[in-house]
N, C-alpha and C. Protein backbone atom coordinates (compact mmCIF):
# COMPACT_ATOMS: atom_id res chain seq x y z
N MET A 1 6.25 -1.47 -65.26
CA MET A 1 7.40 -0.62 -65.09
C MET A 1 6.89 0.77 -64.66
N SER A 2 7.55 1.32 -63.68
CA SER A 2 7.12 2.64 -63.19
C SER A 2 7.58 3.74 -64.16
N GLN A 3 6.95 4.87 -64.03
CA GLN A 3 7.31 6.03 -64.83
C GLN A 3 8.78 6.40 -64.57
N ARG A 4 9.19 6.35 -63.34
CA ARG A 4 10.57 6.67 -62.97
C ARG A 4 11.54 5.68 -63.60
N ASP A 5 11.21 4.38 -63.57
CA ASP A 5 12.08 3.37 -64.16
C ASP A 5 12.20 3.57 -65.68
N PHE A 6 11.07 3.85 -66.33
CA PHE A 6 11.10 4.03 -67.78
C PHE A 6 11.89 5.28 -68.16
N ALA A 7 11.68 6.36 -67.43
CA ALA A 7 12.40 7.60 -67.70
C ALA A 7 13.91 7.37 -67.55
N GLU A 8 14.30 6.65 -66.52
CA GLU A 8 15.72 6.36 -66.32
C GLU A 8 16.26 5.48 -67.45
N ARG A 9 15.45 4.53 -67.87
CA ARG A 9 15.85 3.61 -68.95
C ARG A 9 16.14 4.35 -70.25
N ILE A 10 15.35 5.39 -70.55
CA ILE A 10 15.52 6.09 -71.82
C ILE A 10 16.36 7.36 -71.69
N GLY A 11 16.74 7.70 -70.47
CA GLY A 11 17.65 8.82 -70.28
C GLY A 11 17.02 10.19 -70.17
N ILE A 12 15.80 10.24 -69.62
CA ILE A 12 15.19 11.54 -69.33
C ILE A 12 14.76 11.54 -67.86
N LYS A 13 14.37 12.70 -67.36
CA LYS A 13 13.94 12.81 -65.97
C LYS A 13 12.46 12.43 -65.86
N GLN A 14 12.08 11.86 -64.73
CA GLN A 14 10.69 11.44 -64.51
C GLN A 14 9.70 12.59 -64.62
N PRO A 15 9.99 13.79 -64.09
CA PRO A 15 9.03 14.88 -64.24
C PRO A 15 8.78 15.26 -65.71
N GLN A 16 9.83 15.17 -66.54
CA GLN A 16 9.66 15.46 -67.96
C GLN A 16 8.74 14.42 -68.60
N LEU A 17 8.93 13.15 -68.27
CA LEU A 17 8.05 12.10 -68.79
C LEU A 17 6.61 12.34 -68.35
N ALA A 18 6.41 12.74 -67.10
CA ALA A 18 5.06 13.02 -66.60
C ALA A 18 4.42 14.16 -67.39
N ARG A 19 5.18 15.22 -67.69
CA ARG A 19 4.64 16.35 -68.46
C ARG A 19 4.27 15.92 -69.88
N ILE A 20 5.09 15.06 -70.48
CA ILE A 20 4.79 14.57 -71.84
C ILE A 20 3.53 13.71 -71.81
N GLU A 21 3.44 12.80 -70.85
CA GLU A 21 2.27 11.92 -70.74
C GLU A 21 0.99 12.71 -70.49
N SER A 22 1.08 13.78 -69.74
CA SER A 22 -0.13 14.56 -69.42
C SER A 22 -0.50 15.55 -70.52
N GLY A 23 0.37 15.69 -71.53
CA GLY A 23 0.09 16.63 -72.63
C GLY A 23 0.52 18.05 -72.33
N LYS A 24 1.21 18.27 -71.23
CA LYS A 24 1.66 19.61 -70.87
C LYS A 24 2.95 20.00 -71.58
N GLN A 25 3.63 19.02 -72.16
CA GLN A 25 4.87 19.29 -72.89
C GLN A 25 4.87 18.47 -74.17
N ILE A 26 5.28 19.09 -75.26
CA ILE A 26 5.44 18.39 -76.53
C ILE A 26 6.91 18.03 -76.66
N PRO A 27 7.21 16.73 -76.82
CA PRO A 27 8.61 16.34 -76.86
C PRO A 27 9.30 16.75 -78.16
N LYS A 28 10.61 17.03 -78.06
CA LYS A 28 11.43 17.26 -79.24
C LYS A 28 11.56 15.93 -79.97
N LEU A 29 11.97 15.98 -81.23
CA LEU A 29 12.13 14.76 -82.02
C LEU A 29 13.10 13.78 -81.34
N GLU A 30 14.17 14.30 -80.76
CA GLU A 30 15.13 13.43 -80.08
C GLU A 30 14.48 12.69 -78.92
N THR A 31 13.67 13.40 -78.12
CA THR A 31 12.99 12.78 -76.98
C THR A 31 11.94 11.79 -77.46
N LEU A 32 11.22 12.15 -78.51
CA LEU A 32 10.21 11.25 -79.07
C LEU A 32 10.87 9.95 -79.54
N THR A 33 12.06 10.07 -80.13
CA THR A 33 12.80 8.90 -80.58
C THR A 33 13.24 8.05 -79.40
N LYS A 34 13.64 8.68 -78.30
CA LYS A 34 14.00 7.93 -77.09
C LYS A 34 12.78 7.17 -76.56
N LEU A 35 11.63 7.85 -76.52
CA LEU A 35 10.40 7.20 -76.05
C LEU A 35 10.05 6.00 -76.92
N ALA A 36 10.12 6.18 -78.23
CA ALA A 36 9.79 5.10 -79.15
C ALA A 36 10.76 3.95 -79.00
N SER A 37 12.05 4.25 -79.00
CA SER A 37 13.08 3.21 -78.91
C SER A 37 12.96 2.43 -77.61
N GLY A 38 12.71 3.12 -76.52
CA GLY A 38 12.56 2.47 -75.22
C GLY A 38 11.34 1.58 -75.13
N SER A 39 10.39 1.79 -76.05
CA SER A 39 9.17 0.98 -76.10
C SER A 39 9.22 -0.08 -77.19
N GLY A 40 10.37 -0.14 -77.90
CA GLY A 40 10.50 -1.13 -78.96
C GLY A 40 9.99 -0.66 -80.32
N TYR A 41 9.90 0.64 -80.51
CA TYR A 41 9.40 1.22 -81.77
C TYR A 41 10.44 2.15 -82.37
N THR A 42 10.17 2.61 -83.58
CA THR A 42 10.96 3.65 -84.21
C THR A 42 10.00 4.75 -84.64
N VAL A 43 10.52 5.91 -84.94
CA VAL A 43 9.69 7.04 -85.38
C VAL A 43 9.65 7.05 -86.90
N GLU A 44 8.46 7.22 -87.45
CA GLU A 44 8.29 7.32 -88.89
C GLU A 44 7.43 8.54 -89.16
N ILE A 45 7.91 9.43 -90.02
CA ILE A 45 7.21 10.66 -90.32
C ILE A 45 6.57 10.54 -91.69
N HIS A 46 5.27 10.86 -91.76
CA HIS A 46 4.54 10.84 -93.03
C HIS A 46 4.17 12.26 -93.41
N PHE A 47 4.45 12.62 -94.65
CA PHE A 47 4.05 13.91 -95.17
C PHE A 47 2.73 13.71 -95.92
N VAL A 48 1.70 14.45 -95.52
CA VAL A 48 0.37 14.29 -96.08
C VAL A 48 -0.05 15.61 -96.71
N PRO A 49 -0.49 15.58 -97.99
CA PRO A 49 -0.93 16.83 -98.63
C PRO A 49 -2.09 17.46 -97.85
N ILE A 50 -2.10 18.79 -97.78
CA ILE A 50 -3.14 19.50 -97.07
C ILE A 50 -4.49 19.33 -97.77
N LYS A 51 -4.50 19.45 -99.07
CA LYS A 51 -5.73 19.29 -99.86
C LYS A 51 -5.41 18.45 -101.08
N ASP A 52 -6.45 18.02 -101.74
CA ASP A 52 -6.23 17.30 -103.00
C ASP A 52 -5.55 18.24 -103.97
N ASN A 53 -4.36 17.88 -104.37
CA ASN A 53 -3.64 18.70 -105.34
C ASN A 53 -2.71 17.82 -106.15
N SER A 54 -1.95 18.42 -107.00
CA SER A 54 -1.09 17.66 -107.89
C SER A 54 0.31 17.41 -107.33
N ILE A 55 0.51 17.70 -106.04
CA ILE A 55 1.81 17.45 -105.44
C ILE A 55 1.99 15.94 -105.29
N PRO A 56 3.13 15.42 -105.75
CA PRO A 56 3.35 13.97 -105.63
C PRO A 56 3.49 13.55 -104.17
N LEU A 57 3.09 12.33 -103.89
CA LEU A 57 3.21 11.81 -102.53
C LEU A 57 4.67 11.59 -102.20
N ILE A 58 5.01 11.79 -100.95
CA ILE A 58 6.37 11.59 -100.46
C ILE A 58 6.38 10.33 -99.60
N GLU A 59 7.36 9.50 -99.83
CA GLU A 59 7.48 8.28 -99.03
C GLU A 59 7.74 8.63 -97.56
N PRO A 60 7.29 7.78 -96.64
CA PRO A 60 7.55 8.04 -95.22
C PRO A 60 9.04 8.10 -94.93
N VAL A 61 9.40 8.89 -93.94
CA VAL A 61 10.79 9.01 -93.50
C VAL A 61 10.91 8.32 -92.16
N ARG A 62 11.75 7.31 -92.08
CA ARG A 62 11.96 6.60 -90.83
C ARG A 62 13.21 7.15 -90.17
N ILE A 63 13.10 7.50 -88.90
CA ILE A 63 14.21 8.07 -88.15
C ILE A 63 14.83 6.98 -87.28
N PRO A 64 15.97 6.42 -87.68
CA PRO A 64 16.60 5.40 -86.83
C PRO A 64 17.04 6.00 -85.50
N ALA A 65 16.78 5.29 -84.44
CA ALA A 65 17.11 5.79 -83.10
C ALA A 65 18.58 6.11 -82.96
N GLU A 66 19.44 5.33 -83.59
CA GLU A 66 20.87 5.56 -83.41
C GLU A 66 21.34 6.88 -84.01
N LEU A 67 20.54 7.49 -84.87
CA LEU A 67 20.90 8.80 -85.42
C LEU A 67 20.65 9.93 -84.43
N LEU A 68 19.70 9.73 -83.53
CA LEU A 68 19.30 10.80 -82.62
C LEU A 68 19.61 10.53 -81.16
N VAL A 69 19.80 9.28 -80.80
CA VAL A 69 19.94 8.92 -79.41
C VAL A 69 21.31 8.31 -79.17
N GLU A 70 22.03 8.86 -78.21
CA GLU A 70 23.29 8.24 -77.82
C GLU A 70 22.97 7.04 -76.96
N THR A 71 23.56 5.91 -77.30
CA THR A 71 23.30 4.69 -76.53
C THR A 71 24.60 4.14 -75.98
N ASP A 72 24.48 3.24 -75.04
CA ASP A 72 25.64 2.59 -74.44
C ASP A 72 25.88 1.22 -75.08
N ARG A 73 25.25 0.98 -76.22
CA ARG A 73 25.37 -0.34 -76.86
C ARG A 73 26.69 -0.50 -77.53
């Protein structure tokens, strides 16, 4: 699949996808969710303590695509 086809599939412009792929742009969470969903994945955020400390571990947060991405489904 071409970059243009994938960008169209997930609802962003091809130049934006090219900037993200090259590392010149950091995607917003919404765009990251579109990228993941278009590839068959979901976004999961893990909170990791900076150093060994007594802060309890936090369970991962999964971001369902339907919360952030408008779809035609």
